[in-house]
Amino acid sequence: MIVIFALLFGAALGAFTARKRGGNLADMLQYGAVYAIIFGMIGLIATIVTHRMML
């Protein structure tokens, strides 16, 4: 669940950042994809840490 939320949040944040910098649709898609990957990896690590601490 954390990973999905992180992916969606990262994509939205990336698209917003590109739009704020004056980018076109391709820029927003690229920023959204990159931010989604980065935030997804952070979310995955957070999920693993959370599950490991529960044991």
PDB file of N, CA and C in Angstrom:
ATOM      1  N   MET A   1       0.823  -1.193   0.000  1.00  0.00           N
ATOM      2  CA  MET A   1       0.000   0.000   0.000  1.00  0.00           C
ATOM      3  C   MET A   1       0.867   1.256   0.000  1.00  0.00           C
ATOM      4  N   ILE A   2       1.946   1.204   0.743  1.00  0.00           N
ATOM      5  CA  ILE A   2       2.853   2.354   0.796  1.00  0.00           C
ATOM      6  C   ILE A   2       3.466   2.591  -0.581  1.00  0.00           C
ATOM      7  N   VAL A   3       3.793   1.523  -1.276  1.00  0.00           N
ATOM      8  CA  VAL A   3       4.438   1.649  -2.584  1.00  0.00           C
ATOM      9  C   VAL A   3       3.489   2.304  -3.588  1.00  0.00           C
ATOM     10  N   ILE A   4       2.240   1.877  -3.591  1.00  0.00           N
ATOM     11  CA  ILE A   4       1.259   2.438  -4.526  1.00  0.00           C
ATOM     12  C   ILE A   4       1.049   3.925  -4.246  1.00  0.00           C
ATOM     13  N   PHE A   5       0.896   4.275  -2.976  1.00  0.00           N
ATOM     14  CA  PHE A   5       0.726   5.684  -2.618  1.00  0.00           C
ATOM     15  C   PHE A   5       1.954   6.495  -3.025  1.00  0.00           C
ATOM     16  N   ALA A   6       3.139   5.946  -2.793  1.00  0.00           N
ATOM     17  CA  ALA A   6       4.371   6.649  -3.143  1.00  0.00           C
ATOM     18  C   ALA A   6       4.490   6.847  -4.656  1.00  0.00           C
ATOM     19  N   LEU A   7       4.100   5.825  -5.431  1.00  0.00           N
ATOM     20  CA  LEU A   7       4.136   5.947  -6.890  1.00  0.00           C
ATOM     21  C   LEU A   7       3.213   7.057  -7.384  1.00  0.00           C
ATOM     22  N   LEU A   8       1.981   7.049  -6.885  1.00  0.00           N
ATOM     23  CA  LEU A   8       1.021   8.070  -7.308  1.00  0.00           C
ATOM     24  C   LEU A   8       1.452   9.469  -6.876  1.00  0.00           C
ATOM     25  N   PHE A   9       1.934   9.571  -5.647  1.00  0.00           N
ATOM     26  CA  PHE A   9       2.397  10.864  -5.144  1.00  0.00           C
ATOM     27  C   PHE A   9       3.598  11.362  -5.952  1.00  0.00           C
ATOM     28  N   GLY A  10       4.521  10.462  -6.258  1.00  0.00           N
ATOM     29  CA  GLY A  10       5.701  10.836  -7.036  1.00  0.00           C
ATOM     30  C   GLY A  10       5.347  11.295  -8.441  1.00  0.00           C
ATOM     31  N   ALA A  11       4.417  10.585  -9.074  1.00  0.00           N
ATOM     32  CA  ALA A  11       4.001  10.975 -10.424  1.00  0.00           C
ATOM     33  C   ALA A  11       3.333  12.346 -10.419  1.00  0.00           C
ATOM     34  N   ALA A  12       2.474  12.573  -9.445  1.00  0.00           N
ATOM     35  CA  ALA A  12       1.797  13.876  -9.360  1.00  0.00           C
ATOM     36  C   ALA A  12       2.796  14.986  -9.061  1.00  0.00           C
ATOM     37  N   LEU A  13       3.715  14.727  -8.153  1.00  0.00           N
ATOM     38  CA  LEU A  13       4.712  15.739  -7.804  1.00  0.00           C
ATOM     39  C   LEU A  13       5.627  16.047  -8.985  1.00  0.00           C
ATOM     40  N   GLY A  14       6.014  15.017  -9.720  1.00  0.00           N
ATOM     41  CA  GLY A  14       6.865  15.220 -10.897  1.00  0.00           C
ATOM     42  C   GLY A  14       6.171  16.030 -11.971  1.00  0.00           C
ATOM     43  N   ALA A  15       4.905  15.706 -12.242  1.00  0.00           N
ATOM     44  CA  ALA A  15       4.160  16.461 -13.249  1.00  0.00           C
ATOM     45  C   ALA A  15       3.971  17.908 -12.814  1.00  0.00           C
ATOM     46  N   PHE A  16       3.697  18.113 -11.547  1.00  0.00           N
ATOM     47  CA  PHE A  16       3.536  19.474 -11.027  1.00  0.00           C
ATOM     48  C   PHE A  16       4.841  20.257 -11.132  1.00  0.00           C
ATOM     49  N   THR A  17       5.950  19.601 -10.828  1.00  0.00           N
ATOM     50  CA  THR A  17       7.255  20.259 -10.913  1.00  0.00           C
ATOM     51  C   THR A  17       7.569  20.669 -12.352  1.00  0.00           C
ATOM     52  N   ALA A  18       7.306  19.779 -13.294  1.00  0.00           N
ATOM     53  CA  ALA A  18       7.573  20.098 -14.702  1.00  0.00           C
ATOM     54  C   ALA A  18       6.679  21.233 -15.182  1.00  0.00           C
ATOM     55  N   ARG A  19       5.417  21.204 -14.769  1.00  0.00           N
ATOM     56  CA  ARG A  19       4.499  22.278 -15.177  1.00  0.00           C
ATOM     57  C   ARG A  19       4.927  23.617 -14.581  1.00  0.00           C
ATOM     58  N   LYS A  20       5.386  23.584 -13.336  1.00  0.00           N
ATOM     59  CA  LYS A  20       5.836  24.801 -12.658  1.00  0.00           C
ATOM     60  C   LYS A  20       7.056  25.399 -13.358  1.00  0.00           C
ATOM     61  N   ARG A  21       7.893  24.536 -13.933  1.00  0.00           N
ATOM     62  CA  ARG A  21       9.085  24.996 -14.643  1.00  0.00           C
ATOM     63  C   ARG A  21       8.802  25.363 -16.095  1.00  0.00           C
ATOM     64  N   GLY A  22       7.533  25.270 -16.505  1.00  0.00           N
ATOM     65  CA  GLY A  22       7.154  25.681 -17.853  1.00  0.00           C
ATOM     66  C   GLY A  22       7.306  24.592 -18.899  1.00  0.00           C
ATOM     67  N   GLY A  23       7.248  23.349 -18.496  1.00  0.00           N
ATOM     68  CA  GLY A  23       7.420  22.243 -19.439  1.00  0.00           C
ATOM     69  C   GLY A  23       6.141  21.907 -20.177  1.00  0.00           C
ATOM     70  N   ASN A  24       6.294  21.222 -21.295  1.00  0.00           N
ATOM     71  CA  ASN A  24       5.136  20.779 -22.075  1.00  0.00           C
ATOM     72  C   ASN A  24       4.702  19.389 -21.602  1.00  0.00           C
ATOM     73  N   LEU A  25       3.813  18.738 -22.329  1.00  0.00           N
ATOM     74  CA  LEU A  25       3.272  17.448 -21.919  1.00  0.00           C
ATOM     75  C   LEU A  25       4.358  16.374 -21.805  1.00  0.00           C
ATOM     76  N   ALA A  26       5.287  16.358 -22.765  1.00  0.00           N
ATOM     77  CA  ALA A  26       6.361  15.361 -22.721  1.00  0.00           C
ATOM     78  C   ALA A  26       7.228  15.535 -21.478  1.00  0.00           C
ATOM     79  N   ASP A  27       7.506  16.779 -21.118  1.00  0.00           N
ATOM     80  CA  ASP A  27       8.284  17.048 -19.909  1.00  0.00           C
ATOM     81  C   ASP A  27       7.541  16.576 -18.666  1.00  0.00           C
ATOM     82  N   MET A  28       6.235  16.840 -18.611  1.00  0.00           N
ATOM     83  CA  MET A  28       5.449  16.422 -17.455  1.00  0.00           C
ATOM     84  C   MET A  28       5.408  14.905 -17.336  1.00  0.00           C
ATOM     85  N   LEU A  29       5.298  14.207 -18.480  1.00  0.00           N
ATOM     86  CA  LEU A  29       5.293  12.745 -18.447  1.00  0.00           C
ATOM     87  C   LEU A  29       6.647  12.195 -17.995  1.00  0.00           C
ATOM     88  N   GLN A  30       7.717  12.794 -18.487  1.00  0.00           N
ATOM     89  CA  GLN A  30       9.044  12.319 -18.118  1.00  0.00           C
ATOM     90  C   GLN A  30       9.330  12.581 -16.643  1.00  0.00           C
ATOM     91  N   TYR A  31       9.071  13.782 -16.168  1.00  0.00           N
ATOM     92  CA  TYR A  31       9.266  14.092 -14.756  1.00  0.00           C
ATOM     93  C   TYR A  31       8.391  13.192 -13.883  1.00  0.00           C
ATOM     94  N   GLY A  32       7.143  12.989 -14.313  1.00  0.00           N
ATOM     95  CA  GLY A  32       6.233  12.130 -13.551  1.00  0.00           C
ATOM     96  C   GLY A  32       6.759  10.711 -13.447  1.00  0.00           C
ATOM     97  N   ALA A  33       7.287  10.182 -14.537  1.00  0.00           N
ATOM     98  CA  ALA A  33       7.824   8.816 -14.524  1.00  0.00           C
ATOM     99  C   ALA A  33       9.047   8.701 -13.624  1.00  0.00           C
ATOM    100  N   VAL A  34       9.942   9.652 -13.735  1.00  0.00           N
ATOM    101  CA  VAL A  34      11.172   9.605 -12.930  1.00  0.00           C
ATOM    102  C   VAL A  34      10.848   9.751 -11.448  1.00  0.00           C
ATOM    103  N   TYR A  35      10.009  10.702 -11.113  1.00  0.00           N
ATOM    104  CA  TYR A  35       9.637  10.893  -9.711  1.00  0.00           C
ATOM    105  C   TYR A  35       8.880   9.674  -9.182  1.00  0.00           C
ATOM    106  N   ALA A  36       8.041   9.068 -10.010  1.00  0.00           N
ATOM    107  CA  ALA A  36       7.300   7.877  -9.584  1.00  0.00           C
ATOM    108  C   ALA A  36       8.264   6.731  -9.284  1.00  0.00           C
ATOM    109  N   ILE A  37       9.284   6.560 -10.105  1.00  0.00           N
ATOM    110  CA  ILE A  37      10.268   5.500  -9.871  1.00  0.00           C
ATOM    111  C   ILE A  37      11.026   5.754  -8.573  1.00  0.00           C
ATOM    112  N   ILE A  38      11.466   6.981  -8.382  1.00  0.00           N
ATOM    113  CA  ILE A  38      12.232   7.312  -7.174  1.00  0.00           C
ATOM    114  C   ILE A  38      11.379   7.131  -5.928  1.00  0.00           C
ATOM    115  N   PHE A  39      10.172   7.694  -5.932  1.00  0.00           N
ATOM    116  CA  PHE A  39       9.309   7.579  -4.767  1.00  0.00           C
ATOM    117  C   PHE A  39       8.845   6.139  -4.564  1.00  0.00           C
ATOM    118  N   GLY A  40       8.674   5.387  -5.640  1.00  0.00           N
ATOM    119  CA  GLY A  40       8.303   3.985  -5.525  1.00  0.00           C
ATOM    120  C   GLY A  40       9.389   3.173  -4.843  1.00  0.00           C
ATOM    121  N   MET A  41      10.642   3.453  -5.178  1.00  0.00           N
ATOM    122  CA  MET A  41      11.749   2.758  -4.524  1.00  0.00           C
ATOM    123  C   MET A  41      11.828   3.113  -3.044  1.00  0.00           C
ATOM    124  N   ILE A  42      11.599   4.376  -2.726  1.00  0.00           N
ATOM    125  CA  ILE A  42      11.584   4.790  -1.318  1.00  0.00           C
ATOM    126  C   ILE A  42      10.431   4.110  -0.585  1.00  0.00           C
ATOM    127  N   GLY A  43       9.279   4.028  -1.235  1.00  0.00           N
ATOM    128  CA  GLY A  43       8.134   3.355  -0.637  1.00  0.00           C
ATOM    129  C   GLY A  43       8.387   1.872  -0.432  1.00  0.00           C
ATOM    130  N   LEU A  44       9.078   1.240  -1.374  1.00  0.00           N
ATOM    131  CA  LEU A  44       9.415  -0.169  -1.240  1.00  0.00           C
ATOM    132  C   LEU A  44      10.336  -0.397  -0.048  1.00  0.00           C
ATOM    133  N   ILE A  45      11.331   0.444   0.107  1.00  0.00           N
ATOM    134  CA  ILE A  45      12.238   0.337   1.247  1.00  0.00           C
ATOM    135  C   ILE A  45      11.477   0.562   2.553  1.00  0.00           C
ATOM    136  N   ALA A  46      10.575   1.536   2.565  1.00  0.00           N
ATOM    137  CA  ALA A  46       9.778   1.790   3.770  1.00  0.00           C
ATOM    138  C   ALA A  46       8.896   0.595   4.108  1.00  0.00           C
ATOM    139  N   THR A  47       8.341  -0.055   3.090  1.00  0.00           N
ATOM    140  CA  THR A  47       7.509  -1.239   3.316  1.00  0.00           C
ATOM    141  C   THR A  47       8.337  -2.384   3.887  1.00  0.00           C
ATOM    142  N   ILE A  48       9.513  -2.607   3.329  1.00  0.00           N
ATOM    143  CA  ILE A  48      10.379  -3.687   3.819  1.00  0.00           C
ATOM    144  C   ILE A  48      10.797  -3.424   5.261  1.00  0.00           C
ATOM    145  N   VAL A  49      11.191  -2.197   5.560  1.00  0.00           N
ATOM    146  CA  VAL A  49      11.580  -1.855   6.928  1.00  0.00           C
ATOM    147  C   VAL A  49      10.425  -2.032   7.880  1.00  0.00           C
ATOM    148  N   THR A  50       9.244  -1.603   7.487  1.00  0.00           N
ATOM    149  CA  THR A  50       8.064  -1.731   8.339  1.00  0.00           C
ATOM    150  C   THR A  50       7.743  -3.196   8.627  1.00  0.00           C
ATOM    151  N   HIS A  51       7.798  -4.040   7.614  1.00  0.00           N
ATOM    152  CA  HIS A  51       7.496  -5.455   7.805  1.00  0.00           C
ATOM    153  C   HIS A  51       8.580  -6.162   8.621  1.00  0.00           C
ATOM    154  N   ARG A  52       9.814  -5.750   8.454  1.00  0.00           N
ATOM    155  CA  ARG A  52      10.899  -6.366   9.228  1.00  0.00           C
ATOM    156  C   ARG A  52      10.808  -6.002  10.706  1.00  0.00           C
ATOM    157  N   MET A  53      10.349  -4.796  11.005  1.00  0.00           N
ATOM    158  CA  MET A  53      10.253  -4.360  12.401  1.00  0.00           C
ATOM    159  C   MET A  53       9.071  -5.037  13.104  1.00  0.00           C
ATOM    160  N   MET A  54       8.112  -5.536  12.355  1.00  0.00           N
ATOM    161  CA  MET A  54       6.956  -6.180  12.955  1.00  0.00           C
ATOM    162  C   MET A  54       7.280  -7.589  13.464  1.00  0.00           C
ATOM    163  N   LEU A  55       8.343  -8.186  12.960  1.00  0.00           N
ATOM    164  CA  LEU A  55       8.694  -9.560  13.350  1.00  0.00           C
ATOM    165  C   LEU A  55       9.374  -9.644  14.663  1.00  0.00           C
TER     166      LEU A  55
END
